[in-house]
Amino acid sequence: MPHPIHLPVGRQTWTVDLPPEKHVPLRRTGAVGPTPVGSPRELVLAAMDAPGGVDAPVHRALTPDDRVALVLDESLPHVAELLAGAVEHLAKSGLGASQITVVTPPGGNGAWVEDLPDEFADVTLEAHDPADRKRIGYVATTKAGRRVYLNRTLVEADAVVVLTGRGFDASGGPSGGESAIFPVLSDAETRAGPTPPGEAAEVAWLLGMPIYVQVIEGPGGSVAEVLVGLPSTVDEGAKRQEAHWKFTVPAAADLVVATVSGDPARTDFAALAQAAATAAQVVAPDGRIALLTTAAPDLGDGATLLRGLDDPVAAAKKLARRNPPDAAAATRWANAATRASLFVASGWAEDVVEDLFATPLASAAELQRLVDAATRVIVIPDAHNSRVDIG
């Protein structure tokens, strides 16, 4: 008797037959509440009206003369809607849109600007340039003696609002929160070096009392939760991210199917590398990883370097030596290709996939052959958002 499972791939659905005796199920580690009701803009408005740990709406902390720096994570789903909700709420304080500067990390494409409602046309947009010393300001010195420099707009603002997503970094720890400020919005030298544990939180404290608007992504690029509050709420955001996206499996599998759903236009190479790295955590040695997406993101210097190599094992040393901006993502990809055989369904041409140490997958029928040949199969929907451990 067939046992079909439906896999979200971009905005498509792939269906394969996966017998229960082969399927290694994911176990969620936390409790998830009911799906919130409302558009992303409405969810932000509601959360900013009732921030955690504060008895008044966010706008009550502002005056009509304030200058606000709004740090924006451009990778957020529905980013223009979320930003519109934040700006609309801030305007309740009497602020004009021209008093708000939206600061984005280096390298963003700004495509979301076209989706921003017309009433926010006067908001100033600034892409951080870590090499422009005129746009960098001194904040303070950390307890360890590091002199901290940040984007000057943040340093000179009367209030800082951080609209950020949550996720998992290369080690499986939390990303987002304070790391949206430091080292992302620091100078080039700081960005190129290591950030000791806890330093991002210390820098945020030295900057003042940023207001965090934390967005937990849901399946298919939806918005699952929005949390708002002072720095004391950052840890809660990390906990909610884990509740939605942290899983365990009882054992490794010889085939791990990792999907990336949602709008392919907002799927970059870093997301695909993260999905491959997530799968690599639970694939058996010399097993197979099937990465399913419809995206064809541009490749940065690190990924392009991979295309020029014959062996992923040699990639780590070359990436460390050249240290391109996408070195972390390229290293995750190379490590996944070292641990297992990669099979990739994507919008890339076949030669691009092959140059990235992978075998192209063209259809659900080809994936079915991998499933049929496997003994144990783990399926990770939206693997770019997930963390999966064996235990």
Protein backbone atom coordinates (compact mmCIF):
# COMPACT_ATOMS: atom_id res chain seq x y z
CA MET A 1 0.00 0.00 0.00
CA PRO A 2 1.50 3.42 -0.97
CA HIS A 3 2.56 5.80 1.77
CA PRO A 4 2.82 9.18 0.03
CA ILE A 5 4.43 12.16 1.71
CA HIS A 6 4.18 15.68 0.33
CA LEU A 7 7.33 17.79 0.38
CA PRO A 8 7.24 21.61 0.16
CA VAL A 9 9.81 22.67 -2.44
CA GLY A 10 9.82 26.40 -3.13
CA ARG A 11 6.22 27.06 -4.05
CA GLN A 12 5.79 23.56 -5.41
CA THR A 13 4.97 20.21 -3.81
CA TRP A 14 6.86 17.02 -4.53
CA THR A 15 5.23 13.72 -3.64
CA VAL A 16 7.12 10.50 -2.99
CA ASP A 17 6.25 7.16 -1.44
CA LEU A 18 8.01 6.67 1.91
CA PRO A 19 7.19 3.41 3.74
CA PRO A 20 6.80 3.86 7.52
CA GLU A 21 9.51 1.28 8.26
CA LYS A 22 12.04 3.53 6.48
CA HIS A 23 10.86 6.83 7.88
CA VAL A 24 12.85 8.25 10.82
CA PRO A 25 10.44 10.86 12.24
CA LEU A 26 11.38 14.26 13.63
CA ARG A 27 10.48 14.93 17.25
CA ARG A 28 9.77 18.52 18.21
CA THR A 29 11.56 19.58 21.39
CA GLY A 30 9.26 22.46 22.40
CA ALA A 31 5.60 23.45 22.54
CA VAL A 32 4.16 25.59 19.76
CA GLY A 33 1.03 27.64 20.33
CA PRO A 34 -1.84 28.29 17.92
CA THR A 35 -1.15 30.00 14.61
CA PRO A 36 -1.49 33.77 15.05
CA VAL A 37 -4.31 35.56 13.30
CA GLY A 38 -3.52 38.61 11.20
CA SER A 39 -1.20 39.85 8.49
CA PRO A 40 2.52 40.30 9.23
CA ARG A 41 1.93 44.04 9.56
CA GLU A 42 -0.90 43.48 12.03
CA LEU A 43 1.21 41.04 14.07
CA VAL A 44 3.98 43.63 14.45
CA LEU A 45 1.49 46.34 15.44
CA ALA A 46 -0.08 44.11 18.07
CA ALA A 47 3.29 43.04 19.49
CA MET A 48 4.60 46.62 19.70
CA ASP A 49 1.41 47.65 21.48
CA ALA A 50 2.09 45.05 24.18
CA PRO A 51 5.87 44.54 24.48
CA GLY A 52 7.23 41.92 26.84
CA GLY A 53 8.35 43.14 30.24
CA VAL A 54 7.00 46.66 29.65
CA ASP A 55 3.66 48.10 30.80
CA ALA A 56 3.23 50.52 27.88
CA PRO A 57 3.37 50.42 24.08
CA VAL A 58 6.77 51.03 22.49
CA HIS A 59 5.80 54.44 21.10
CA ARG A 60 5.32 55.78 24.64
CA ALA A 61 9.10 55.64 25.10
CA LEU A 62 9.65 58.09 22.23
CA THR A 63 9.11 61.82 21.71
CA PRO A 64 8.18 63.65 18.51
CA ASP A 65 11.72 65.07 18.27
CA ASP A 66 13.57 61.75 18.46
CA ARG A 67 15.70 60.33 15.68
CA VAL A 68 15.23 56.58 15.34
CA ALA A 69 17.58 54.07 13.74
CA LEU A 70 15.69 50.96 12.68
CA VAL A 71 18.00 48.01 12.01
CA LEU A 72 16.38 45.78 9.41
CA ASP A 73 17.07 42.12 8.68
CA GLU A 74 16.37 42.00 4.94
CA SER A 75 16.12 38.21 4.94
CA LEU A 76 12.82 38.30 6.84
CA PRO A 77 9.72 36.90 5.16
CA HIS A 78 7.23 39.63 4.21
CA VAL A 79 9.92 42.14 5.10
CA ALA A 80 8.12 45.19 3.68
CA GLU A 81 4.93 44.39 5.59
CA LEU A 82 6.81 43.85 8.84
CA LEU A 83 8.72 47.10 8.40
CA ALA A 84 5.50 48.96 7.58
CA GLY A 85 3.97 47.73 10.83
CA ALA A 86 6.99 48.89 12.84
CA VAL A 87 7.08 52.35 11.22
CA GLU A 88 3.32 52.77 11.61
CA HIS A 89 3.59 52.04 15.32
CA LEU A 90 6.55 54.39 15.83
CA ALA A 91 4.58 57.17 14.11
CA LYS A 92 2.05 57.06 16.98
CA SER A 93 4.65 58.94 19.04
CA GLY A 94 4.38 61.92 16.71
CA LEU A 95 7.52 61.00 14.76
CA GLY A 96 7.56 61.82 11.07
CA ALA A 97 8.73 59.18 8.63
CA SER A 98 11.75 61.36 7.77
CA GLN A 99 13.00 60.96 11.37
CA ILE A 100 13.39 57.20 10.91
CA THR A 101 16.47 55.77 9.19
CA VAL A 102 16.31 52.12 8.18
CA VAL A 103 19.80 50.63 8.40
CA THR A 104 20.48 47.38 6.54
CA PRO A 105 23.57 45.12 6.58
CA PRO A 106 26.09 45.26 3.72
CA GLY A 107 25.30 43.30 0.60
CA GLY A 108 21.50 43.49 0.63
CA ASN A 109 19.59 43.91 -2.61
CA GLY A 110 16.87 46.25 -1.33
CA ALA A 111 14.26 44.57 -3.52
CA TRP A 112 11.68 44.91 -0.72
CA VAL A 113 11.67 48.72 -1.09
CA GLU A 114 9.26 48.51 -4.02
CA ASP A 115 6.73 46.75 -1.75
CA LEU A 116 6.86 49.42 0.96
CA PRO A 117 3.59 51.40 1.17
CA ASP A 118 3.69 54.91 -0.30
CA GLU A 119 3.00 56.58 3.06
CA PHE A 120 6.48 55.57 4.20
CA ALA A 121 8.31 57.04 1.20
CA ASP A 122 10.06 59.63 3.42
CA VAL A 123 11.82 56.98 5.51
CA THR A 124 15.59 57.22 4.97
CA LEU A 125 17.28 54.03 3.78
CA GLU A 126 20.95 53.37 4.55
CA ALA A 127 22.98 50.31 3.61
CA HIS A 128 25.82 49.94 6.09
CA ASP A 129 29.28 50.29 4.58
CA PRO A 130 31.90 48.88 6.98
CA ALA A 131 34.73 50.39 4.93
CA ASP A 132 33.46 53.97 5.13
CA ARG A 133 35.16 55.40 8.22
CA LYS A 134 33.04 58.56 8.02
CA ARG A 135 29.95 56.42 8.64
CA ILE A 136 31.45 54.59 11.64
CA GLY A 137 31.27 55.94 15.21
CA TYR A 138 32.95 54.99 18.47
CA VAL A 139 30.61 53.50 21.09
CA ALA A 140 32.70 52.40 24.09
CA THR A 141 35.26 49.82 25.18
CA THR A 142 34.21 46.32 26.26
CA LYS A 143 35.28 44.71 29.51
CA ALA A 144 37.83 42.72 27.51
CA GLY A 145 39.34 45.94 26.17
CA ARG A 146 37.95 45.95 22.63
CA ARG A 147 37.13 49.42 21.29
CA VAL A 148 33.70 49.14 19.69
CA TYR A 149 32.83 50.97 16.49
CA LEU A 150 29.36 50.83 14.96
CA ASN A 151 27.33 52.39 12.19
CA ARG A 152 27.22 56.13 12.98
CA THR A 153 23.47 56.38 12.47
CA LEU A 154 22.98 53.91 15.34
CA VAL A 155 25.50 55.65 17.54
CA GLU A 156 23.88 59.07 17.08
CA ALA A 157 20.24 57.94 17.23
CA ASP A 158 17.99 58.76 20.17
CA ALA A 159 16.46 55.28 19.94
CA VAL A 160 17.37 52.04 18.19
CA VAL A 161 14.79 49.47 17.05
CA VAL A 162 16.02 46.10 15.78
CA LEU A 163 13.67 44.24 13.43
CA THR A 164 15.32 40.85 13.20
CA GLY A 165 14.64 37.22 12.44
CA ARG A 166 15.81 34.31 14.55
CA GLY A 167 17.71 31.27 13.41
CA PHE A 168 20.60 28.92 14.16
CA ASP A 169 24.25 29.61 13.46
CA ALA A 170 26.87 27.14 12.23
CA SER A 171 27.30 25.66 15.71
CA GLY A 172 23.55 25.23 16.20
CA GLY A 173 23.35 28.17 18.58
CA PRO A 174 20.94 31.10 18.21
CA SER A 175 21.40 33.77 15.55
CA GLY A 176 19.62 37.08 15.22
CA GLY A 177 18.90 39.31 18.19
CA GLU A 178 21.99 41.25 19.27
CA SER A 179 24.05 39.79 16.42
CA ALA A 180 21.96 41.89 14.02
CA ILE A 181 23.83 44.85 15.54
CA PHE A 182 27.29 43.47 16.26
CA PRO A 183 29.46 42.60 14.47
CA VAL A 184 27.22 43.04 11.40
CA LEU A 185 27.05 46.83 11.68
CA SER A 186 30.63 47.33 12.83
CA ASP A 187 33.78 48.28 10.94
CA ALA A 188 35.48 46.04 8.38
CA GLU A 189 38.28 44.92 10.72
CA THR A 190 35.86 43.82 13.46
CA ARG A 191 33.58 42.02 10.98
CA ALA A 192 36.55 40.02 9.67
CA GLY A 193 37.61 38.76 13.10
CA PRO A 194 36.05 36.47 15.71
CA THR A 195 33.28 37.57 18.09
CA PRO A 196 33.69 36.04 21.57
CA PRO A 197 30.57 34.58 23.21
CA GLY A 198 28.49 37.25 24.91
CA GLU A 199 30.23 40.16 23.22
CA ALA A 200 27.28 41.02 20.96
CA ALA A 201 25.01 41.34 24.01
CA GLU A 202 27.58 43.54 25.78
CA VAL A 203 27.89 45.82 22.75
CA ALA A 204 24.11 46.17 22.54
CA TRP A 205 24.07 47.16 26.21
CA LEU A 206 26.84 49.71 25.61
CA LEU A 207 24.85 51.17 22.74
CA GLY A 208 21.88 51.79 25.04
CA MET A 209 18.59 49.94 25.33
CA PRO A 210 17.60 48.77 21.84
CA ILE A 211 14.02 47.67 21.33
CA TYR A 212 13.92 44.25 19.69
CA VAL A 213 11.17 43.16 17.30
CA GLN A 214 11.92 39.46 16.86
CA VAL A 215 10.22 37.53 14.07
CA ILE A 216 9.94 33.75 14.22
CA GLU A 217 9.48 32.35 10.74
CA GLY A 218 6.85 29.72 10.09
CA PRO A 219 6.55 27.05 7.37
CA GLY A 220 6.73 28.21 3.80
CA GLY A 221 7.97 31.69 4.64
CA SER A 222 5.04 32.57 6.89
CA VAL A 223 5.30 34.51 10.16
CA ALA A 224 4.76 32.26 13.17
CA GLU A 225 5.33 34.74 16.01
CA VAL A 226 6.45 38.30 16.70
CA LEU A 227 8.00 39.17 20.07
CA VAL A 228 8.80 42.74 21.11
CA GLY A 229 10.69 44.07 24.10
CA LEU A 230 13.92 45.31 25.64
CA PRO A 231 17.16 43.23 25.62
CA SER A 232 15.78 41.04 28.40
CA THR A 233 13.39 39.51 25.83
CA VAL A 234 16.14 38.37 23.45
CA ASP A 235 16.58 35.05 25.23
CA GLU A 236 12.84 34.40 24.95
CA GLY A 237 13.09 34.92 21.19
CA ALA A 238 15.78 32.27 21.01
CA LYS A 239 13.59 29.90 23.05
CA ARG A 240 10.61 30.46 20.76
CA GLN A 241 12.82 29.81 17.73
CA GLU A 242 13.85 26.49 19.27
CA ALA A 243 10.24 25.60 20.06
CA HIS A 244 9.32 25.98 16.39
CA TRP A 245 12.43 24.66 14.71
CA LYS A 246 14.48 22.42 16.99
CA PHE A 247 13.99 18.66 16.57
CA THR A 248 15.58 15.36 17.49
CA VAL A 249 15.75 12.01 15.73
CA PRO A 250 16.54 8.65 17.36
CA ALA A 251 19.26 7.75 14.86
CA ALA A 252 21.10 8.90 11.77
CA ALA A 253 19.84 7.92 8.31
CA ASP A 254 21.54 6.95 5.10
CA LEU A 255 19.29 9.43 3.22
CA VAL A 256 18.32 12.87 4.52
CA VAL A 257 15.88 14.91 2.46
CA ALA A 258 16.17 18.64 3.21
CA THR A 259 13.60 20.97 1.69
CA VAL A 260 13.52 24.75 1.35
CA SER A 261 10.04 26.13 0.76
CA GLY A 262 8.59 29.58 0.18
CA ASP A 263 9.47 32.33 -2.26
CA PRO A 264 12.61 31.28 -4.17
CA ALA A 265 13.49 34.95 -4.67
CA ARG A 266 14.37 35.30 -0.98
CA THR A 267 16.39 32.06 -0.85
CA ASP A 268 20.09 32.87 -1.00
CA PHE A 269 23.11 30.58 -1.08
CA ALA A 270 23.56 30.96 2.68
CA ALA A 271 20.09 29.48 3.25
CA LEU A 272 20.87 26.50 1.01
CA ALA A 273 24.21 25.97 2.71
CA GLN A 274 22.48 26.08 6.09
CA ALA A 275 19.94 23.48 4.90
CA ALA A 276 22.75 21.21 3.70
CA ALA A 277 24.59 21.67 7.01
CA THR A 278 21.44 20.79 8.98
CA ALA A 279 21.06 17.59 6.98
CA ALA A 280 24.74 16.75 7.45
CA GLN A 281 24.24 16.69 11.22
CA VAL A 282 22.03 13.61 11.01
CA VAL A 283 23.19 11.77 7.90
CA ALA A 284 25.13 8.55 8.35
CA PRO A 285 28.77 8.66 7.22
CA ASP A 286 28.99 8.29 3.45
CA GLY A 287 25.21 8.63 3.22
CA ARG A 288 23.21 10.82 0.87
CA ILE A 289 21.65 14.26 1.23
CA ALA A 290 18.90 15.38 -1.14
CA LEU A 291 18.52 19.17 -1.03
CA LEU A 292 15.30 20.35 -2.65
CA THR A 293 14.70 23.95 -3.72
CA THR A 294 13.50 25.82 -6.79
CA ALA A 295 15.86 28.75 -6.16
CA ALA A 296 18.92 29.64 -8.19
CA PRO A 297 20.65 32.20 -5.98
CA ASP A 298 23.68 34.15 -7.10
CA LEU A 299 27.00 32.74 -5.98
CA GLY A 300 29.44 34.92 -4.06
CA ASP A 301 33.21 34.71 -4.08
CA GLY A 302 33.33 31.77 -1.68
CA ALA A 303 30.84 29.65 -3.61
CA THR A 304 32.57 30.57 -6.86
CA LEU A 305 35.85 29.42 -5.35
CA LEU A 306 34.22 26.03 -4.64
CA ARG A 307 33.33 25.71 -8.32
CA GLY A 308 37.01 25.91 -9.19
CA LEU A 309 38.05 23.05 -6.89
CA ASP A 310 38.02 19.34 -7.55
CA ASP A 311 37.63 18.27 -3.93
CA PRO A 312 35.51 19.78 -1.12
CA VAL A 313 38.09 18.66 1.46
CA ALA A 314 40.52 21.28 0.14
CA ALA A 315 37.94 24.05 0.37
CA ALA A 316 38.23 24.91 4.07
CA LYS A 317 41.90 25.92 3.87
CA LYS A 318 41.43 28.03 0.76
CA LEU A 319 38.33 29.72 2.17
CA ALA A 320 40.14 30.50 5.43
CA ARG A 321 43.09 31.94 3.54
CA ARG A 322 41.03 34.18 1.23
CA ASN A 323 38.17 34.86 3.69
CA PRO A 324 35.51 36.03 1.20
CA PRO A 325 32.28 37.56 2.60
CA ASP A 326 30.41 34.29 2.10
CA ALA A 327 33.17 32.10 3.57
CA ALA A 328 30.93 30.73 6.34
CA ALA A 329 28.23 29.60 3.92
CA ALA A 330 30.72 28.13 1.45
CA THR A 331 32.44 26.24 4.27
CA ARG A 332 29.13 24.75 5.45
CA TRP A 333 28.40 23.59 1.92
CA ALA A 334 31.84 22.05 1.47
CA ASN A 335 31.64 20.28 4.83
CA ALA A 336 28.25 18.79 3.92
CA ALA A 337 29.67 17.58 0.58
CA THR A 338 32.59 16.02 2.45
CA ARG A 339 30.34 14.10 4.85
CA ALA A 340 27.79 12.79 2.32
CA SER A 341 26.94 12.58 -1.35
CA LEU A 342 24.91 15.68 -2.29
CA PHE A 343 21.95 15.56 -4.66
CA VAL A 344 20.43 18.96 -5.45
CA ALA A 345 17.18 20.02 -7.08
CA SER A 346 17.34 23.73 -7.85
CA GLY A 347 16.97 26.40 -10.47
CA TRP A 348 20.69 26.26 -11.25
CA ALA A 349 22.01 24.81 -14.49
CA GLU A 350 23.31 21.26 -14.17
CA ASP A 351 26.94 22.31 -14.56
CA VAL A 352 26.63 24.72 -11.62
CA VAL A 353 25.29 21.94 -9.39
CA GLU A 354 28.04 19.57 -10.51
CA ASP A 355 30.71 22.21 -9.86
CA LEU A 356 29.38 22.46 -6.30
CA PHE A 357 30.22 18.76 -5.68
CA ALA A 358 26.62 17.62 -6.18
CA THR A 359 24.47 15.54 -8.52
CA PRO A 360 21.49 17.34 -10.11
CA LEU A 361 17.99 16.12 -9.26
CA ALA A 362 15.34 16.94 -11.85
CA SER A 363 12.12 15.43 -10.51
CA ALA A 364 10.25 13.67 -7.75
CA ALA A 365 10.74 10.44 -9.71
CA GLU A 366 14.52 10.76 -9.35
CA LEU A 367 14.12 11.47 -5.64
CA GLN A 368 11.93 8.38 -5.37
CA ARG A 369 14.81 6.24 -6.62
CA LEU A 370 16.99 7.57 -3.80
CA VAL A 371 14.24 6.80 -1.29
CA ASP A 372 13.81 3.28 -2.69
CA ALA A 373 17.53 2.61 -2.33
CA ALA A 374 17.70 3.87 1.26
CA THR A 375 17.30 1.90 4.47
CA ARG A 376 16.41 4.86 6.73
CA VAL A 377 15.13 8.27 5.60
CA ILE A 378 14.90 11.55 7.51
CA VAL A 379 12.82 14.35 6.00
CA ILE A 380 13.52 17.91 7.22
CA PRO A 381 11.02 20.48 5.91
CA ASP A 382 12.48 23.99 5.73
CA ALA A 383 15.86 22.68 6.76
CA HIS A 384 17.40 26.16 6.44
CA ASN A 385 15.41 27.18 9.53
CA SER A 386 15.88 23.96 11.48
CA ARG A 387 18.23 22.36 13.93
CA VAL A 388 18.10 18.58 14.23
CA ASP A 389 20.07 16.54 16.75
CA ILE A 390 20.41 12.82 17.37
CA GLY A 391 19.13 11.91 20.80
